Amino acid sequence: MSDTRTRPLVRQGEDVEYESVDAADGLRKGVLIGESDGGGNLAIRRFTLAPGAEVPRHTNEIEHEQYVLDGEYIVGIEGEEYTVSAGDSLHIPAGAVHWYRNESDEEGAFLCAVPTGDDEIRLVEE
């Protein structure tokens, strides 16, 4: 039997389930392609940030890259804040303290690509 990661994979949008993220009111996540779907070395996730949503300061053990799909919101990375909007891209190094805040009246959405495998997320007190 061949390794599923060497075969093409297509997932339909309606097959992606979204769930609320416990640590942040107004943040939802859907795994578009991940290890459990037969994906390879990367996972692609789609997040939505409701108007007024705030994601607390936290770190991830793994690096991740993001592409903003919709809306405008603030991303804090290592003490600097950036206003991002559709078409912007970000790289967040492993271990970097980061956070999100949607001060607009519109939902924000972004794709996030991460290496597959374990990731420990730690909340950081201000």
N, C-alpha and C. Protein backbone atom coordinates (compact mmCIF):
# COMPACT_ATOMS: atom_id res chain seq x y z
N MET A 1 0.85 -1.18 0.00
CA MET A 1 0.00 0.00 0.00
C MET A 1 0.89 1.24 0.00
N SER A 2 0.55 2.23 -0.81
CA SER A 2 1.39 3.42 -0.93
C SER A 2 1.07 4.42 0.18
N ASP A 3 2.03 5.26 0.46
CA ASP A 3 1.89 6.33 1.44
C ASP A 3 0.87 7.34 0.88
N THR A 4 -0.16 7.68 1.66
CA THR A 4 -1.20 8.60 1.17
C THR A 4 -0.64 9.98 0.87
N ARG A 5 0.49 10.34 1.46
CA ARG A 5 1.05 11.67 1.23
C ARG A 5 1.69 11.79 -0.14
N THR A 6 1.82 10.71 -0.89
CA THR A 6 2.41 10.78 -2.22
C THR A 6 1.33 10.84 -3.30
N ARG A 7 0.07 10.79 -2.89
CA ARG A 7 -1.04 10.84 -3.84
C ARG A 7 -1.69 12.22 -3.82
N PRO A 8 -2.25 12.64 -4.96
CA PRO A 8 -2.98 13.91 -4.99
C PRO A 8 -4.17 13.87 -4.02
N LEU A 9 -4.56 15.03 -3.56
CA LEU A 9 -5.67 15.15 -2.62
C LEU A 9 -6.48 16.38 -2.97
N VAL A 10 -7.78 16.23 -3.10
CA VAL A 10 -8.69 17.35 -3.32
C VAL A 10 -9.80 17.25 -2.30
N ARG A 11 -10.03 18.33 -1.55
CA ARG A 11 -11.15 18.36 -0.59
C ARG A 11 -12.12 19.43 -1.04
N GLN A 12 -13.37 19.14 -0.98
CA GLN A 12 -14.41 20.09 -1.33
C GLN A 12 -14.66 21.03 -0.15
N GLY A 13 -14.95 22.29 -0.44
CA GLY A 13 -15.17 23.28 0.60
C GLY A 13 -16.26 22.90 1.58
N GLU A 14 -17.32 22.27 1.07
CA GLU A 14 -18.43 21.90 1.96
C GLU A 14 -18.06 20.77 2.92
N ASP A 15 -16.92 20.12 2.69
CA ASP A 15 -16.49 19.05 3.58
C ASP A 15 -15.68 19.56 4.78
N VAL A 16 -15.32 20.85 4.76
CA VAL A 16 -14.52 21.42 5.84
C VAL A 16 -15.43 21.84 6.99
N GLU A 17 -15.12 21.35 8.18
CA GLU A 17 -15.90 21.71 9.36
C GLU A 17 -15.15 22.80 10.13
N TYR A 18 -15.90 23.83 10.54
CA TYR A 18 -15.34 24.94 11.31
C TYR A 18 -15.73 24.79 12.77
N GLU A 19 -14.81 25.16 13.64
CA GLU A 19 -15.09 25.09 15.08
C GLU A 19 -14.55 26.34 15.76
N SER A 20 -15.20 26.70 16.85
CA SER A 20 -14.74 27.83 17.65
C SER A 20 -13.43 27.46 18.33
N VAL A 21 -12.57 28.46 18.50
CA VAL A 21 -11.31 28.26 19.21
C VAL A 21 -11.52 28.72 20.64
N ASP A 22 -11.32 27.81 21.59
CA ASP A 22 -11.64 28.07 23.00
C ASP A 22 -10.98 29.31 23.57
N ALA A 23 -9.75 29.58 23.21
CA ALA A 23 -8.98 30.66 23.84
C ALA A 23 -9.41 32.05 23.39
N ALA A 24 -10.27 32.15 22.36
CA ALA A 24 -10.61 33.47 21.82
C ALA A 24 -12.05 33.51 21.33
N ASP A 25 -12.85 34.38 21.93
CA ASP A 25 -14.22 34.58 21.45
C ASP A 25 -14.19 35.20 20.06
N GLY A 26 -14.96 34.64 19.15
CA GLY A 26 -15.05 35.20 17.81
C GLY A 26 -14.04 34.66 16.82
N LEU A 27 -13.22 33.69 17.23
CA LEU A 27 -12.25 33.07 16.32
C LEU A 27 -12.73 31.67 15.99
N ARG A 28 -12.80 31.37 14.68
CA ARG A 28 -13.20 30.03 14.22
C ARG A 28 -12.12 29.48 13.30
N LYS A 29 -11.96 28.15 13.32
CA LYS A 29 -10.91 27.49 12.53
C LYS A 29 -11.49 26.32 11.76
N GLY A 30 -11.07 26.20 10.50
CA GLY A 30 -11.35 25.03 9.68
C GLY A 30 -10.05 24.51 9.10
N VAL A 31 -9.80 23.22 9.23
CA VAL A 31 -8.60 22.63 8.63
C VAL A 31 -8.95 22.24 7.20
N LEU A 32 -8.38 22.94 6.23
CA LEU A 32 -8.68 22.69 4.82
C LEU A 32 -8.03 21.40 4.36
N ILE A 33 -6.74 21.26 4.66
CA ILE A 33 -6.01 20.02 4.40
C ILE A 33 -5.03 19.84 5.54
N GLY A 34 -5.06 18.66 6.12
CA GLY A 34 -4.17 18.38 7.24
C GLY A 34 -3.67 16.96 7.16
N GLU A 35 -2.88 16.61 8.12
CA GLU A 35 -2.27 15.29 8.18
C GLU A 35 -3.33 14.19 8.20
N SER A 36 -4.42 14.40 8.94
CA SER A 36 -5.46 13.37 9.05
C SER A 36 -6.25 13.19 7.76
N ASP A 37 -6.13 14.17 6.84
CA ASP A 37 -6.81 14.07 5.55
C ASP A 37 -5.93 13.38 4.51
N GLY A 38 -4.70 13.09 4.88
CA GLY A 38 -3.77 12.50 3.92
C GLY A 38 -2.86 13.52 3.30
N GLY A 39 -2.81 14.74 3.89
CA GLY A 39 -1.93 15.78 3.39
C GLY A 39 -0.48 15.43 3.66
N GLY A 40 0.42 16.22 3.11
CA GLY A 40 1.85 15.95 3.24
C GLY A 40 2.47 16.60 4.45
N ASN A 41 3.51 17.39 4.23
CA ASN A 41 4.29 17.99 5.31
C ASN A 41 3.71 19.29 5.84
N LEU A 42 2.68 19.81 5.18
CA LEU A 42 2.06 21.07 5.59
C LEU A 42 0.58 20.87 5.83
N ALA A 43 0.03 21.71 6.69
CA ALA A 43 -1.42 21.77 6.88
C ALA A 43 -1.85 23.18 6.51
N ILE A 44 -3.02 23.30 5.90
CA ILE A 44 -3.58 24.61 5.57
C ILE A 44 -4.87 24.75 6.37
N ARG A 45 -4.94 25.85 7.12
CA ARG A 45 -6.12 26.12 7.93
C ARG A 45 -6.70 27.47 7.53
N ARG A 46 -8.01 27.62 7.68
CA ARG A 46 -8.68 28.89 7.42
C ARG A 46 -9.30 29.36 8.73
N PHE A 47 -8.97 30.60 9.10
CA PHE A 47 -9.51 31.20 10.32
C PHE A 47 -10.40 32.37 9.96
N THR A 48 -11.44 32.59 10.78
CA THR A 48 -12.25 33.80 10.67
C THR A 48 -12.23 34.52 12.01
N LEU A 49 -12.17 35.84 11.92
CA LEU A 49 -12.17 36.72 13.10
C LEU A 49 -13.43 37.58 13.03
N ALA A 50 -14.36 37.36 13.93
CA ALA A 50 -15.60 38.14 13.96
C ALA A 50 -15.29 39.60 14.31
N PRO A 51 -16.16 40.53 13.94
CA PRO A 51 -15.98 41.92 14.37
C PRO A 51 -15.86 41.96 15.90
N GLY A 52 -14.88 42.68 16.40
CA GLY A 52 -14.66 42.80 17.83
C GLY A 52 -13.87 41.66 18.45
N ALA A 53 -13.53 40.65 17.68
CA ALA A 53 -12.80 39.49 18.22
C ALA A 53 -11.38 39.88 18.62
N GLU A 54 -10.91 39.28 19.70
CA GLU A 54 -9.52 39.45 20.13
C GLU A 54 -8.94 38.09 20.45
N VAL A 55 -7.77 37.83 19.92
CA VAL A 55 -7.04 36.60 20.21
C VAL A 55 -5.91 36.99 21.16
N PRO A 56 -5.84 36.37 22.33
CA PRO A 56 -4.84 36.79 23.32
C PRO A 56 -3.41 36.51 22.86
N ARG A 57 -2.49 37.18 23.53
CA ARG A 57 -1.06 36.96 23.26
C ARG A 57 -0.73 35.49 23.51
N HIS A 58 -0.02 34.92 22.55
CA HIS A 58 0.35 33.51 22.66
C HIS A 58 1.58 33.22 21.82
N THR A 59 2.13 32.03 22.03
CA THR A 59 3.24 31.55 21.21
C THR A 59 2.86 30.18 20.66
N ASN A 60 3.49 29.83 19.56
CA ASN A 60 3.40 28.50 18.97
C ASN A 60 4.81 27.93 18.89
N GLU A 61 4.93 26.63 19.07
CA GLU A 61 6.24 25.99 18.93
C GLU A 61 6.72 25.97 17.49
N ILE A 62 5.78 26.09 16.56
CA ILE A 62 6.12 26.00 15.15
C ILE A 62 5.93 27.35 14.45
N GLU A 63 6.71 27.54 13.39
CA GLU A 63 6.52 28.73 12.57
C GLU A 63 5.23 28.59 11.77
N HIS A 64 4.66 29.71 11.36
CA HIS A 64 3.51 29.64 10.47
C HIS A 64 3.45 30.87 9.59
N GLU A 65 2.83 30.67 8.44
CA GLU A 65 2.69 31.75 7.47
C GLU A 65 1.22 31.94 7.17
N GLN A 66 0.84 33.20 6.97
CA GLN A 66 -0.57 33.52 6.79
C GLN A 66 -0.78 34.40 5.57
N TYR A 67 -1.97 34.25 5.00
CA TYR A 67 -2.39 35.08 3.87
C TYR A 67 -3.78 35.60 4.20
N VAL A 68 -3.92 36.92 4.22
CA VAL A 68 -5.19 37.55 4.58
C VAL A 68 -6.15 37.48 3.39
N LEU A 69 -7.32 36.88 3.63
CA LEU A 69 -8.33 36.73 2.58
C LEU A 69 -9.33 37.88 2.56
N ASP A 70 -9.82 38.26 3.74
CA ASP A 70 -10.90 39.25 3.83
C ASP A 70 -10.71 40.13 5.05
N GLY A 71 -11.31 41.32 4.95
CA GLY A 71 -11.37 42.22 6.09
C GLY A 71 -10.06 42.94 6.36
N GLU A 72 -10.05 43.64 7.49
CA GLU A 72 -8.88 44.36 7.96
C GLU A 72 -8.84 44.18 9.48
N TYR A 73 -7.68 43.82 9.99
CA TYR A 73 -7.55 43.62 11.43
C TYR A 73 -6.10 43.89 11.83
N ILE A 74 -5.85 43.85 13.13
CA ILE A 74 -4.52 44.14 13.66
C ILE A 74 -3.87 42.84 14.11
N VAL A 75 -2.61 42.68 13.71
CA VAL A 75 -1.80 41.55 14.16
C VAL A 75 -0.62 42.12 14.93
N GLY A 76 -0.43 41.64 16.13
CA GLY A 76 0.74 42.01 16.91
C GLY A 76 1.74 40.87 16.86
N ILE A 77 3.00 41.22 16.60
CA ILE A 77 4.07 40.23 16.58
C ILE A 77 5.26 40.82 17.32
N GLU A 78 5.64 40.18 18.42
CA GLU A 78 6.82 40.59 19.18
C GLU A 78 6.81 42.09 19.51
N GLY A 79 5.69 42.61 19.97
CA GLY A 79 5.62 44.00 20.43
C GLY A 79 5.28 45.02 19.36
N GLU A 80 5.28 44.64 18.10
CA GLU A 80 4.91 45.55 17.01
C GLU A 80 3.50 45.21 16.53
N GLU A 81 2.69 46.22 16.22
CA GLU A 81 1.35 45.97 15.68
C GLU A 81 1.30 46.38 14.22
N TYR A 82 0.61 45.56 13.42
CA TYR A 82 0.49 45.78 11.99
C TYR A 82 -0.99 45.71 11.62
N THR A 83 -1.45 46.65 10.83
CA THR A 83 -2.80 46.57 10.27
C THR A 83 -2.67 45.82 8.95
N VAL A 84 -3.42 44.72 8.83
CA VAL A 84 -3.35 43.89 7.63
C VAL A 84 -4.73 43.83 6.98
N SER A 85 -4.72 43.61 5.68
CA SER A 85 -5.98 43.48 4.94
C SER A 85 -5.78 42.51 3.78
N ALA A 86 -6.86 42.22 3.07
CA ALA A 86 -6.85 41.22 2.00
C ALA A 86 -5.65 41.40 1.08
N GLY A 87 -4.94 40.30 0.84
CA GLY A 87 -3.77 40.31 -0.03
C GLY A 87 -2.45 40.38 0.71
N ASP A 88 -2.49 40.71 2.02
CA ASP A 88 -1.25 40.79 2.80
C ASP A 88 -0.82 39.39 3.25
N SER A 89 0.49 39.22 3.46
CA SER A 89 1.05 37.95 3.92
C SER A 89 1.90 38.19 5.15
N LEU A 90 1.98 37.17 6.02
CA LEU A 90 2.76 37.29 7.25
C LEU A 90 3.57 36.02 7.48
N HIS A 91 4.72 36.19 8.11
CA HIS A 91 5.50 35.05 8.61
C HIS A 91 5.65 35.26 10.10
N ILE A 92 5.24 34.26 10.88
CA ILE A 92 5.36 34.33 12.33
C ILE A 92 6.34 33.24 12.75
N PRO A 93 7.53 33.65 13.22
CA PRO A 93 8.54 32.65 13.59
C PRO A 93 8.09 31.80 14.78
N ALA A 94 8.63 30.62 14.88
CA ALA A 94 8.37 29.75 16.03
C ALA A 94 8.75 30.49 17.30
N GLY A 95 7.88 30.42 18.30
CA GLY A 95 8.15 31.04 19.59
C GLY A 95 7.85 32.52 19.70
N ALA A 96 7.48 33.18 18.59
CA ALA A 96 7.19 34.61 18.63
C ALA A 96 5.86 34.87 19.34
N VAL A 97 5.84 35.84 20.24
CA VAL A 97 4.59 36.24 20.88
C VAL A 97 3.77 37.01 19.86
N HIS A 98 2.50 36.59 19.66
CA HIS A 98 1.65 37.27 18.70
C HIS A 98 0.20 37.25 19.16
N TRP A 99 -0.63 38.14 18.57
CA TRP A 99 -2.03 38.31 18.93
C TRP A 99 -2.77 38.97 17.77
N TYR A 100 -4.10 38.97 17.86
CA TYR A 100 -4.95 39.52 16.80
C TYR A 100 -6.07 40.33 17.44
N ARG A 101 -6.52 41.35 16.72
CA ARG A 101 -7.64 42.18 17.18
C ARG A 101 -8.39 42.71 15.96
N ASN A 102 -9.68 42.42 15.90
CA ASN A 102 -10.49 42.92 14.79
C ASN A 102 -11.35 44.07 15.30
N GLU A 103 -10.92 45.29 15.01
CA GLU A 103 -11.63 46.48 15.46
C GLU A 103 -12.66 46.96 14.44
N SER A 104 -12.78 46.26 13.33
CA SER A 104 -13.69 46.70 12.27
C SER A 104 -15.09 46.10 12.46
N ASP A 105 -16.00 46.50 11.60
CA ASP A 105 -17.37 45.98 11.62
C ASP A 105 -17.54 44.79 10.69
N GLU A 106 -16.45 44.37 10.05
CA GLU A 106 -16.51 43.26 9.11
C GLU A 106 -15.65 42.10 9.58
N GLU A 107 -16.06 40.90 9.21
CA GLU A 107 -15.29 39.71 9.56
C GLU A 107 -13.95 39.71 8.82
N GLY A 108 -12.91 39.28 9.49
CA GLY A 108 -11.62 39.07 8.86
C GLY A 108 -11.44 37.57 8.63
N ALA A 109 -10.65 37.21 7.64
CA ALA A 109 -10.38 35.80 7.37
C ALA A 109 -8.96 35.66 6.83
N PHE A 110 -8.30 34.57 7.22
CA PHE A 110 -6.95 34.33 6.71
C PHE A 110 -6.67 32.84 6.61
N LEU A 111 -5.77 32.51 5.70
CA LEU A 111 -5.23 31.16 5.58
C LEU A 111 -3.96 31.09 6.41
N CYS A 112 -3.73 29.93 7.00
CA CYS A 112 -2.53 29.73 7.80
C CYS A 112 -1.92 28.39 7.41
N ALA A 113 -0.66 28.42 6.98
CA ALA A 113 0.06 27.19 6.61
C ALA A 113 1.07 26.89 7.71
N VAL A 114 1.04 25.63 8.16
CA VAL A 114 1.94 25.20 9.23
C VAL A 114 2.51 23.83 8.89
N PRO A 115 3.68 23.51 9.44
CA PRO A 115 4.17 22.14 9.28
C PRO A 115 3.25 21.18 10.05
N THR A 116 3.07 19.98 9.55
CA THR A 116 2.26 19.01 10.26
C THR A 116 3.02 18.52 11.49
N GLY A 117 2.30 17.89 12.37
CA GLY A 117 2.91 17.39 13.60
C GLY A 117 2.43 18.18 14.79
N ASP A 118 3.07 17.96 15.90
CA ASP A 118 2.64 18.58 17.14
C ASP A 118 3.01 20.05 17.20
N ASP A 119 2.16 20.82 17.88
CA ASP A 119 2.39 22.23 18.13
C ASP A 119 1.85 22.54 19.51
N GLU A 120 2.66 23.15 20.33
CA GLU A 120 2.17 23.57 21.64
C GLU A 120 1.92 25.07 21.61
N ILE A 121 0.69 25.44 21.96
CA ILE A 121 0.30 26.86 22.02
C ILE A 121 0.29 27.26 23.48
N ARG A 122 0.98 28.35 23.80
CA ARG A 122 1.03 28.84 25.18
C ARG A 122 0.51 30.26 25.23
N LEU A 123 -0.45 30.51 26.10
CA LEU A 123 -0.93 31.87 26.33
C LEU A 123 0.12 32.63 27.11
N VAL A 124 0.28 33.91 26.79
CA VAL A 124 1.28 34.77 27.43
C VAL A 124 0.55 35.86 28.18
N GLU A 125 0.80 35.98 29.46
CA GLU A 125 0.15 37.02 30.25
C GLU A 125 0.80 38.37 29.94
N GLU A 126 -0.06 39.39 29.94
CA GLU A 126 0.45 40.74 29.61
C GLU A 126 1.12 41.36 30.80
